[in-house]
Amino acid sequence: TGETDGVRLMAKAARILQEYYPGIH
């Protein structure tokens, strides 16, 4: 990605997924 506040969308998805699959990095 380039520099963008839109990365928050990816961060939100990663946070949700982390609750179920903490082994994903």
mmCIF file of all heavy atoms, coordinates in Angstrom:
data_MODEL
# 
_entry.id   MODEL 
# 
loop_
_atom_site.group_PDB 
_atom_site.id 
_atom_site.type_symbol 
_atom_site.label_atom_id 
_atom_site.label_alt_id 
_atom_site.label_comp_id 
_atom_site.label_asym_id 
_atom_site.label_entity_id 
_atom_site.label_seq_id 
_atom_site.pdbx_PDB_ins_code 
_atom_site.Cartn_x 
_atom_site.Cartn_y 
_atom_site.Cartn_z 
_atom_site.occupancy 
_atom_site.B_iso_or_equiv 
_atom_site.pdbx_formal_charge 
_atom_site.auth_seq_id 
_atom_site.auth_comp_id 
_atom_site.auth_asym_id 
_atom_site.auth_atom_id 
_atom_site.pdbx_PDB_model_num 
ATOM 1   N N   . THR A 1 1  ? 0.822   -1.207  0.000  1.00 0.00 ? 1  THR A N   1 
ATOM 2   C CA  . THR A 1 1  ? 0.000   0.000   0.000  1.00 0.00 ? 1  THR A CA  1 
ATOM 3   C C   . THR A 1 1  ? 0.854   1.255   0.000  1.00 0.00 ? 1  THR A C   1 
ATOM 4   O O   . THR A 1 1  ? 1.998   1.242   0.460  1.00 0.00 ? 1  THR A O   1 
ATOM 5   C CB  . THR A 1 1  ? -0.920  0.022   1.239  1.00 0.00 ? 1  THR A CB  1 
ATOM 6   O OG1 . THR A 1 1  ? -1.678  1.234   1.257  1.00 0.00 ? 1  THR A OG1 1 
ATOM 7   C CG2 . THR A 1 1  ? -0.128  -0.091  2.525  1.00 0.00 ? 1  THR A CG2 1 
ATOM 8   N N   . GLY A 1 2  ? 0.290   2.313   -0.496 1.00 0.00 ? 2  GLY A N   1 
ATOM 9   C CA  . GLY A 1 2  ? 0.898   3.621   -0.332 1.00 0.00 ? 2  GLY A CA  1 
ATOM 10  C C   . GLY A 1 2  ? 0.468   4.194   1.009  1.00 0.00 ? 2  GLY A C   1 
ATOM 11  O O   . GLY A 1 2  ? -0.248  3.541   1.781  1.00 0.00 ? 2  GLY A O   1 
ATOM 12  N N   . GLU A 1 3  ? 0.878   5.414   1.273  1.00 0.00 ? 3  GLU A N   1 
ATOM 13  C CA  . GLU A 1 3  ? 0.476   6.068   2.523  1.00 0.00 ? 3  GLU A CA  1 
ATOM 14  C C   . GLU A 1 3  ? -0.958  6.559   2.385  1.00 0.00 ? 3  GLU A C   1 
ATOM 15  O O   . GLU A 1 3  ? -1.256  7.404   1.553  1.00 0.00 ? 3  GLU A O   1 
ATOM 16  C CB  . GLU A 1 3  ? 1.405   7.239   2.825  1.00 0.00 ? 3  GLU A CB  1 
ATOM 17  C CG  . GLU A 1 3  ? 2.792   6.820   3.282  1.00 0.00 ? 3  GLU A CG  1 
ATOM 18  C CD  . GLU A 1 3  ? 3.666   8.025   3.580  1.00 0.00 ? 3  GLU A CD  1 
ATOM 19  O OE1 . GLU A 1 3  ? 3.851   8.826   2.654  1.00 0.00 ? 3  GLU A OE1 1 
ATOM 20  O OE2 . GLU A 1 3  ? 4.144   8.150   4.711  1.00 0.00 ? 3  GLU A OE2 1 
ATOM 21  N N   . THR A 1 4  ? -1.833  6.022   3.206  1.00 0.00 ? 4  THR A N   1 
ATOM 22  C CA  . THR A 1 4  ? -3.231  6.415   3.179  1.00 0.00 ? 4  THR A CA  1 
ATOM 23  C C   . THR A 1 4  ? -3.904  6.043   4.485  1.00 0.00 ? 4  THR A C   1 
ATOM 24  O O   . THR A 1 4  ? -3.587  5.006   5.093  1.00 0.00 ? 4  THR A O   1 
ATOM 25  C CB  . THR A 1 4  ? -3.987  5.739   2.011  1.00 0.00 ? 4  THR A CB  1 
ATOM 26  O OG1 . THR A 1 4  ? -5.397  5.960   2.171  1.00 0.00 ? 4  THR A OG1 1 
ATOM 27  C CG2 . THR A 1 4  ? -3.739  4.242   1.972  1.00 0.00 ? 4  THR A CG2 1 
ATOM 28  N N   . ASP A 1 5  ? -4.836  6.872   4.899  1.00 0.00 ? 5  ASP A N   1 
ATOM 29  C CA  . ASP A 1 5  ? -5.621  6.571   6.084  1.00 0.00 ? 5  ASP A CA  1 
ATOM 30  C C   . ASP A 1 5  ? -6.536  5.378   5.833  1.00 0.00 ? 5  ASP A C   1 
ATOM 31  O O   . ASP A 1 5  ? -7.050  4.771   6.768  1.00 0.00 ? 5  ASP A O   1 
ATOM 32  C CB  . ASP A 1 5  ? -6.455  7.794   6.482  1.00 0.00 ? 5  ASP A CB  1 
ATOM 33  C CG  . ASP A 1 5  ? -7.070  7.669   7.862  1.00 0.00 ? 5  ASP A CG  1 
ATOM 34  O OD1 . ASP A 1 5  ? -6.308  7.617   8.846  1.00 0.00 ? 5  ASP A OD1 1 
ATOM 35  O OD2 . ASP A 1 5  ? -8.315  7.605   7.958  1.00 0.00 ? 5  ASP A OD2 1 
ATOM 36  N N   . GLY A 1 6  ? -6.698  5.007   4.555  1.00 0.00 ? 6  GLY A N   1 
ATOM 37  C CA  . GLY A 1 6  ? -7.523  3.863   4.194  1.00 0.00 ? 6  GLY A CA  1 
ATOM 38  C C   . GLY A 1 6  ? -6.969  2.536   4.694  1.00 0.00 ? 6  GLY A C   1 
ATOM 39  O O   . GLY A 1 6  ? -7.684  1.529   4.693  1.00 0.00 ? 6  GLY A O   1 
ATOM 40  N N   . VAL A 1 7  ? -5.709  2.525   5.129  1.00 0.00 ? 7  VAL A N   1 
ATOM 41  C CA  . VAL A 1 7  ? -5.128  1.307   5.697  1.00 0.00 ? 7  VAL A CA  1 
ATOM 42  C C   . VAL A 1 7  ? -5.905  0.879   6.945  1.00 0.00 ? 7  VAL A C   1 
ATOM 43  O O   . VAL A 1 7  ? -5.866  -0.282  7.353  1.00 0.00 ? 7  VAL A O   1 
ATOM 44  C CB  . VAL A 1 7  ? -3.631  1.530   6.032  1.00 0.00 ? 7  VAL A CB  1 
ATOM 45  C CG1 . VAL A 1 7  ? -3.050  0.362   6.809  1.00 0.00 ? 7  VAL A CG1 1 
ATOM 46  C CG2 . VAL A 1 7  ? -2.835  1.717   4.740  1.00 0.00 ? 7  VAL A CG2 1 
ATOM 47  N N   . ARG A 1 8  ? -6.651  1.804   7.528  1.00 0.00 ? 8  ARG A N   1 
ATOM 48  C CA  . ARG A 1 8  ? -7.475  1.471   8.700  1.00 0.00 ? 8  ARG A CA  1 
ATOM 49  C C   . ARG A 1 8  ? -8.459  0.348   8.385  1.00 0.00 ? 8  ARG A C   1 
ATOM 50  O O   . ARG A 1 8  ? -8.824  -0.447  9.260  1.00 0.00 ? 8  ARG A O   1 
ATOM 51  C CB  . ARG A 1 8  ? -8.241  2.708   9.181  1.00 0.00 ? 8  ARG A CB  1 
ATOM 52  C CG  . ARG A 1 8  ? -7.367  3.776   9.802  1.00 0.00 ? 8  ARG A CG  1 
ATOM 53  C CD  . ARG A 1 8  ? -8.206  4.950   10.266 1.00 0.00 ? 8  ARG A CD  1 
ATOM 54  N NE  . ARG A 1 8  ? -7.357  6.009   10.797 1.00 0.00 ? 8  ARG A NE  1 
ATOM 55  C CZ  . ARG A 1 8  ? -6.918  6.057   12.047 1.00 0.00 ? 8  ARG A CZ  1 
ATOM 56  N NH1 . ARG A 1 8  ? -7.242  5.089   12.897 1.00 0.00 ? 8  ARG A NH1 1 
ATOM 57  N NH2 . ARG A 1 8  ? -6.170  7.058   12.460 1.00 0.00 ? 8  ARG A NH2 1 
ATOM 58  N N   . LEU A 1 9  ? -8.918  0.289   7.126  1.00 0.00 ? 9  LEU A N   1 
ATOM 59  C CA  . LEU A 1 9  ? -9.830  -0.777  6.731  1.00 0.00 ? 9  LEU A CA  1 
ATOM 60  C C   . LEU A 1 9  ? -9.158  -2.140  6.860  1.00 0.00 ? 9  LEU A C   1 
ATOM 61  O O   . LEU A 1 9  ? -9.762  -3.102  7.361  1.00 0.00 ? 9  LEU A O   1 
ATOM 62  C CB  . LEU A 1 9  ? -10.292 -0.546  5.285  1.00 0.00 ? 9  LEU A CB  1 
ATOM 63  C CG  . LEU A 1 9  ? -11.184 -1.631  4.674  1.00 0.00 ? 9  LEU A CG  1 
ATOM 64  C CD1 . LEU A 1 9  ? -12.494 -1.735  5.440  1.00 0.00 ? 9  LEU A CD1 1 
ATOM 65  C CD2 . LEU A 1 9  ? -11.466 -1.322  3.208  1.00 0.00 ? 9  LEU A CD2 1 
ATOM 66  N N   . MET A 1 10 ? -7.899  -2.226  6.417  1.00 0.00 ? 10 MET A N   1 
ATOM 67  C CA  . MET A 1 10 ? -7.149  -3.471  6.533  1.00 0.00 ? 10 MET A CA  1 
ATOM 68  C C   . MET A 1 10 ? -6.892  -3.802  8.006  1.00 0.00 ? 10 MET A C   1 
ATOM 69  O O   . MET A 1 10 ? -6.966  -4.962  8.423  1.00 0.00 ? 10 MET A O   1 
ATOM 70  C CB  . MET A 1 10 ? -5.824  -3.357  5.778  1.00 0.00 ? 10 MET A CB  1 
ATOM 71  C CG  . MET A 1 10 ? -5.922  -2.771  4.390  1.00 0.00 ? 10 MET A CG  1 
ATOM 72  S SD  . MET A 1 10 ? -6.932  -3.767  3.267  1.00 0.00 ? 10 MET A SD  1 
ATOM 73  C CE  . MET A 1 10 ? -5.689  -4.880  2.592  1.00 0.00 ? 10 MET A CE  1 
ATOM 74  N N   . ALA A 1 11 ? -6.598  -2.761  8.787  1.00 0.00 ? 11 ALA A N   1 
ATOM 75  C CA  . ALA A 1 11 ? -6.338  -2.959  10.209 1.00 0.00 ? 11 ALA A CA  1 
ATOM 76  C C   . ALA A 1 11 ? -7.584  -3.480  10.922 1.00 0.00 ? 11 ALA A C   1 
ATOM 77  O O   . ALA A 1 11 ? -7.495  -4.340  11.813 1.00 0.00 ? 11 ALA A O   1 
ATOM 78  C CB  . ALA A 1 11 ? -5.865  -1.654  10.844 1.00 0.00 ? 11 ALA A CB  1 
ATOM 79  N N   . LYS A 1 12 ? -8.734  -2.966  10.533 1.00 0.00 ? 12 LYS A N   1 
ATOM 80  C CA  . LYS A 1 12 ? -9.993  -3.411  11.143 1.00 0.00 ? 12 LYS A CA  1 
ATOM 81  C C   . LYS A 1 12 ? -10.237 -4.880  10.832 1.00 0.00 ? 12 LYS A C   1 
ATOM 82  O O   . LYS A 1 12 ? -10.633 -5.658  11.728 1.00 0.00 ? 12 LYS A O   1 
ATOM 83  C CB  . LYS A 1 12 ? -11.146 -2.550  10.613 1.00 0.00 ? 12 LYS A CB  1 
ATOM 84  C CG  . LYS A 1 12 ? -12.489 -2.863  11.256 1.00 0.00 ? 12 LYS A CG  1 
ATOM 85  C CD  . LYS A 1 12 ? -13.562 -1.905  10.765 1.00 0.00 ? 12 LYS A CD  1 
ATOM 86  C CE  . LYS A 1 12 ? -14.900 -2.198  11.442 1.00 0.00 ? 12 LYS A CE  1 
ATOM 87  N NZ  . LYS A 1 12 ? -15.953 -1.246  10.985 1.00 0.00 ? 12 LYS A NZ  1 
ATOM 88  N N   . ALA A 1 13 ? -10.005 -5.277  9.587  1.00 0.00 ? 13 ALA A N   1 
ATOM 89  C CA  . ALA A 1 13 ? -10.183 -6.682  9.198  1.00 0.00 ? 13 ALA A CA  1 
ATOM 90  C C   . ALA A 1 13 ? -9.214  -7.579  9.962  1.00 0.00 ? 13 ALA A C   1 
ATOM 91  O O   . ALA A 1 13 ? -9.586  -8.665  10.428 1.00 0.00 ? 13 ALA A O   1 
ATOM 92  C CB  . ALA A 1 13 ? -9.985  -6.837  7.695  1.00 0.00 ? 13 ALA A CB  1 
ATOM 93  N N   . ALA A 1 14 ? -7.965  -7.135  10.100 1.00 0.00 ? 14 ALA A N   1 
ATOM 94  C CA  . ALA A 1 14 ? -6.960  -7.910  10.815 1.00 0.00 ? 14 ALA A CA  1 
ATOM 95  C C   . ALA A 1 14 ? -7.331  -8.076  12.287 1.00 0.00 ? 14 ALA A C   1 
ATOM 96  O O   . ALA A 1 14 ? -7.155  -9.156  12.872 1.00 0.00 ? 14 ALA A O   1 
ATOM 97  C CB  . ALA A 1 14 ? -5.597  -7.243  10.683 1.00 0.00 ? 14 ALA A CB  1 
ATOM 98  N N   . ARG A 1 15 ? -7.860  -7.015  12.889 1.00 0.00 ? 15 ARG A N   1 
ATOM 99  C CA  . ARG A 1 15 ? -8.247  -7.085  14.302 1.00 0.00 ? 15 ARG A CA  1 
ATOM 100 C C   . ARG A 1 15 ? -9.386  -8.074  14.510 1.00 0.00 ? 15 ARG A C   1 
ATOM 101 O O   . ARG A 1 15 ? -9.374  -8.877  15.450 1.00 0.00 ? 15 ARG A O   1 
ATOM 102 C CB  . ARG A 1 15 ? -8.658  -5.706  14.803 1.00 0.00 ? 15 ARG A CB  1 
ATOM 103 C CG  . ARG A 1 15 ? -9.090  -5.703  16.273 1.00 0.00 ? 15 ARG A CG  1 
ATOM 104 C CD  . ARG A 1 15 ? -9.593  -4.342  16.696 1.00 0.00 ? 15 ARG A CD  1 
ATOM 105 N NE  . ARG A 1 15 ? -10.687 -3.867  15.866 1.00 0.00 ? 15 ARG A NE  1 
ATOM 106 C CZ  . ARG A 1 15 ? -11.959 -4.296  15.972 1.00 0.00 ? 15 ARG A CZ  1 
ATOM 107 N NH1 . ARG A 1 15 ? -12.273 -5.219  16.861 1.00 0.00 ? 15 ARG A NH1 1 
ATOM 108 N NH2 . ARG A 1 15 ? -12.901 -3.786  15.188 1.00 0.00 ? 15 ARG A NH2 1 
ATOM 109 N N   . ILE A 1 16 ? -10.393 -8.042  13.638 1.00 0.00 ? 16 ILE A N   1 
ATOM 110 C CA  . ILE A 1 16 ? -11.518 -8.972  13.732 1.00 0.00 ? 16 ILE A CA  1 
ATOM 111 C C   . ILE A 1 16 ? -11.037 -10.417 13.571 1.00 0.00 ? 16 ILE A C   1 
ATOM 112 O O   . ILE A 1 16 ? -11.426 -11.318 14.320 1.00 0.00 ? 16 ILE A O   1 
ATOM 113 C CB  . ILE A 1 16 ? -12.582 -8.637  12.670 1.00 0.00 ? 16 ILE A CB  1 
ATOM 114 C CG1 . ILE A 1 16 ? -13.226 -7.280  12.975 1.00 0.00 ? 16 ILE A CG1 1 
ATOM 115 C CG2 . ILE A 1 16 ? -13.638 -9.733  12.583 1.00 0.00 ? 16 ILE A CG2 1 
ATOM 116 C CD1 . ILE A 1 16 ? -14.154 -6.770  11.890 1.00 0.00 ? 16 ILE A CD1 1 
ATOM 117 N N   . LEU A 1 17 ? -10.167 -10.637 12.586 1.00 0.00 ? 17 LEU A N   1 
ATOM 118 C CA  . LEU A 1 17 ? -9.672  -11.978 12.291 1.00 0.00 ? 17 LEU A CA  1 
ATOM 119 C C   . LEU A 1 17 ? -8.790  -12.514 13.417 1.00 0.00 ? 17 LEU A C   1 
ATOM 120 O O   . LEU A 1 17 ? -8.756  -13.720 13.684 1.00 0.00 ? 17 LEU A O   1 
ATOM 121 C CB  . LEU A 1 17 ? -8.902  -11.951 10.969 1.00 0.00 ? 17 LEU A CB  1 
ATOM 122 C CG  . LEU A 1 17 ? -8.845  -13.250 10.144 1.00 0.00 ? 17 LEU A CG  1 
ATOM 123 C CD1 . LEU A 1 17 ? -10.237 -13.774 9.867  1.00 0.00 ? 17 LEU A CD1 1 
ATOM 124 C CD2 . LEU A 1 17 ? -8.109  -12.994 8.838  1.00 0.00 ? 17 LEU A CD2 1 
ATOM 125 N N   . GLN A 1 18 ? -8.086  -11.609 14.076 1.00 0.00 ? 18 GLN A N   1 
ATOM 126 C CA  . GLN A 1 18 ? -7.174  -12.015 15.141 1.00 0.00 ? 18 GLN A CA  1 
ATOM 127 C C   . GLN A 1 18 ? -7.900  -12.696 16.298 1.00 0.00 ? 18 GLN A C   1 
ATOM 128 O O   . GLN A 1 18 ? -7.353  -13.572 16.963 1.00 0.00 ? 18 GLN A O   1 
ATOM 129 C CB  . GLN A 1 18 ? -6.403  -10.792 15.653 1.00 0.00 ? 18 GLN A CB  1 
ATOM 130 C CG  . GLN A 1 18 ? -5.288  -11.122 16.635 1.00 0.00 ? 18 GLN A CG  1 
ATOM 131 C CD  . GLN A 1 18 ? -4.602  -9.872  17.133 1.00 0.00 ? 18 GLN A CD  1 
ATOM 132 O OE1 . GLN A 1 18 ? -5.252  -8.887  17.466 1.00 0.00 ? 18 GLN A OE1 1 
ATOM 133 N NE2 . GLN A 1 18 ? -3.277  -9.898  17.181 1.00 0.00 ? 18 GLN A NE2 1 
ATOM 134 N N   . GLU A 1 19 ? -9.146  -12.308 16.522 1.00 0.00 ? 19 GLU A N   1 
ATOM 135 C CA  . GLU A 1 19 ? -9.915  -12.902 17.609 1.00 0.00 ? 19 GLU A CA  1 
ATOM 136 C C   . GLU A 1 19 ? -10.156 -14.385 17.391 1.00 0.00 ? 19 GLU A C   1 
ATOM 137 O O   . GLU A 1 19 ? -10.253 -15.163 18.345 1.00 0.00 ? 19 GLU A O   1 
ATOM 138 C CB  . GLU A 1 19 ? -11.257 -12.166 17.748 1.00 0.00 ? 19 GLU A CB  1 
ATOM 139 C CG  . GLU A 1 19 ? -11.119 -10.699 18.145 1.00 0.00 ? 19 GLU A CG  1 
ATOM 140 C CD  . GLU A 1 19 ? -12.461 -10.009 18.248 1.00 0.00 ? 19 GLU A CD  1 
ATOM 141 O OE1 . GLU A 1 19 ? -13.493 -10.728 18.226 1.00 0.00 ? 19 GLU A OE1 1 
ATOM 142 O OE2 . GLU A 1 19 ? -12.487 -8.763  18.351 1.00 0.00 ? 19 GLU A OE2 1 
ATOM 143 N N   . TYR A 1 20 ? -10.260 -14.798 16.124 1.00 0.00 ? 20 TYR A N   1 
ATOM 144 C CA  . TYR A 1 20 ? -10.552 -16.196 15.804 1.00 0.00 ? 20 TYR A CA  1 
ATOM 145 C C   . TYR A 1 20 ? -9.300  -16.971 15.387 1.00 0.00 ? 20 TYR A C   1 
ATOM 146 O O   . TYR A 1 20 ? -9.204  -18.175 15.631 1.00 0.00 ? 20 TYR A O   1 
ATOM 147 C CB  . TYR A 1 20 ? -11.586 -16.261 14.672 1.00 0.00 ? 20 TYR A CB  1 
ATOM 148 C CG  . TYR A 1 20 ? -12.880 -15.560 15.002 1.00 0.00 ? 20 TYR A CG  1 
ATOM 149 C CD1 . TYR A 1 20 ? -13.105 -14.238 14.602 1.00 0.00 ? 20 TYR A CD1 1 
ATOM 150 C CD2 . TYR A 1 20 ? -13.870 -16.201 15.733 1.00 0.00 ? 20 TYR A CD2 1 
ATOM 151 C CE1 . TYR A 1 20 ? -14.297 -13.588 14.919 1.00 0.00 ? 20 TYR A CE1 1 
ATOM 152 C CE2 . TYR A 1 20 ? -15.070 -15.563 16.056 1.00 0.00 ? 20 TYR A CE2 1 
ATOM 153 C CZ  . TYR A 1 20 ? -15.265 -14.253 15.641 1.00 0.00 ? 20 TYR A CZ  1 
ATOM 154 O OH  . TYR A 1 20 ? -16.439 -13.606 15.964 1.00 0.00 ? 20 TYR A OH  1 
ATOM 155 N N   . TYR A 1 21 ? -8.369  -16.275 14.762 1.00 0.00 ? 21 TYR A N   1 
ATOM 156 C CA  . TYR A 1 21 ? -7.166  -16.934 14.245 1.00 0.00 ? 21 TYR A CA  1 
ATOM 157 C C   . TYR A 1 21 ? -5.923  -16.138 14.649 1.00 0.00 ? 21 TYR A C   1 
ATOM 158 O O   . TYR A 1 21 ? -5.337  -15.409 13.846 1.00 0.00 ? 21 TYR A O   1 
ATOM 159 C CB  . TYR A 1 21 ? -7.227  -17.058 12.721 1.00 0.00 ? 21 TYR A CB  1 
ATOM 160 C CG  . TYR A 1 21 ? -8.480  -17.740 12.221 1.00 0.00 ? 21 TYR A CG  1 
ATOM 161 C CD1 . TYR A 1 21 ? -9.498  -16.997 11.607 1.00 0.00 ? 21 TYR A CD1 1 
ATOM 162 C CD2 . TYR A 1 21 ? -8.665  -19.111 12.382 1.00 0.00 ? 21 TYR A CD2 1 
ATOM 163 C CE1 . TYR A 1 21 ? -10.653 -17.609 11.157 1.00 0.00 ? 21 TYR A CE1 1 
ATOM 164 C CE2 . TYR A 1 21 ? -9.819  -19.739 11.932 1.00 0.00 ? 21 TYR A CE2 1 
ATOM 165 C CZ  . TYR A 1 21 ? -10.815 -18.983 11.326 1.00 0.00 ? 21 TYR A CZ  1 
ATOM 166 O OH  . TYR A 1 21 ? -11.960 -19.601 10.885 1.00 0.00 ? 21 TYR A OH  1 
ATOM 167 N N   . PRO A 1 22 ? -5.503  -16.267 15.898 1.00 0.00 ? 22 PRO A N   1 
ATOM 168 C CA  . PRO A 1 22 ? -4.344  -15.498 16.378 1.00 0.00 ? 22 PRO A CA  1 
ATOM 169 C C   . PRO A 1 22 ? -3.027  -15.914 15.727 1.00 0.00 ? 22 PRO A C   1 
ATOM 170 O O   . PRO A 1 22 ? -2.029  -15.218 15.880 1.00 0.00 ? 22 PRO A O   1 
ATOM 171 C CB  . PRO A 1 22 ? -4.336  -15.779 17.887 1.00 0.00 ? 22 PRO A CB  1 
ATOM 172 C CG  . PRO A 1 22 ? -5.051  -17.081 18.034 1.00 0.00 ? 22 PRO A CG  1 
ATOM 173 C CD  . PRO A 1 22 ? -6.107  -17.095 16.977 1.00 0.00 ? 22 PRO A CD  1 
ATOM 174 N N   . GLY A 1 23 ? -3.047  -17.027 14.997 1.00 0.00 ? 23 GLY A N   1 
ATOM 175 C CA  . GLY A 1 23 ? -1.829  -17.481 14.337 1.00 0.00 ? 23 GLY A CA  1 
ATOM 176 C C   . GLY A 1 23 ? -1.576  -16.829 12.988 1.00 0.00 ? 23 GLY A C   1 
ATOM 177 O O   . GLY A 1 23 ? -0.595  -17.144 12.315 1.00 0.00 ? 23 GLY A O   1 
ATOM 178 N N   . ILE A 1 24 ? -2.458  -15.906 12.575 1.00 0.00 ? 24 ILE A N   1 
ATOM 179 C CA  . ILE A 1 24 ? -2.257  -15.182 11.310 1.00 0.00 ? 24 ILE A CA  1 
ATOM 180 C C   . ILE A 1 24 ? -1.462  -13.914 11.585 1.00 0.00 ? 24 ILE A C   1 
ATOM 181 O O   . ILE A 1 24 ? -1.760  -13.164 12.515 1.00 0.00 ? 24 ILE A O   1 
ATOM 182 C CB  . ILE A 1 24 ? -3.608  -14.825 10.655 1.00 0.00 ? 24 ILE A CB  1 
ATOM 183 C CG1 . ILE A 1 24 ? -4.375  -16.098 10.297 1.00 0.00 ? 24 ILE A CG1 1 
ATOM 184 C CG2 . ILE A 1 24 ? -3.382  -13.979 9.398  1.00 0.00 ? 24 ILE A CG2 1 
ATOM 185 C CD1 . ILE A 1 24 ? -5.731  -15.844 9.662  1.00 0.00 ? 24 ILE A CD1 1 
ATOM 186 N N   . HIS A 1 25 ? -0.448  -13.683 10.783 1.00 0.00 ? 25 HIS A N   1 
ATOM 187 C CA  . HIS A 1 25 ? 0.410   -12.504 10.937 1.00 0.00 ? 25 HIS A CA  1 
ATOM 188 C C   . HIS A 1 25 ? 0.368   -11.680 9.648  1.00 0.00 ? 25 HIS A C   1 
ATOM 189 O O   . HIS A 1 25 ? 0.173   -12.218 8.555  1.00 0.00 ? 25 HIS A O   1 
ATOM 190 C CB  . HIS A 1 25 ? 1.844   -12.923 11.264 1.00 0.00 ? 25 HIS A CB  1 
ATOM 191 C CG  . HIS A 1 25 ? 1.930   -13.778 12.491 1.00 0.00 ? 25 HIS A CG  1 
ATOM 192 N ND1 . HIS A 1 25 ? 1.889   -13.269 13.761 1.00 0.00 ? 25 HIS A ND1 1 
ATOM 193 C CD2 . HIS A 1 25 ? 2.029   -15.128 12.625 1.00 0.00 ? 25 HIS A CD2 1 
ATOM 194 C CE1 . HIS A 1 25 ? 1.980   -14.247 14.640 1.00 0.00 ? 25 HIS A CE1 1 
ATOM 195 N NE2 . HIS A 1 25 ? 2.054   -15.398 13.983 1.00 0.00 ? 25 HIS A NE2 1 
# 
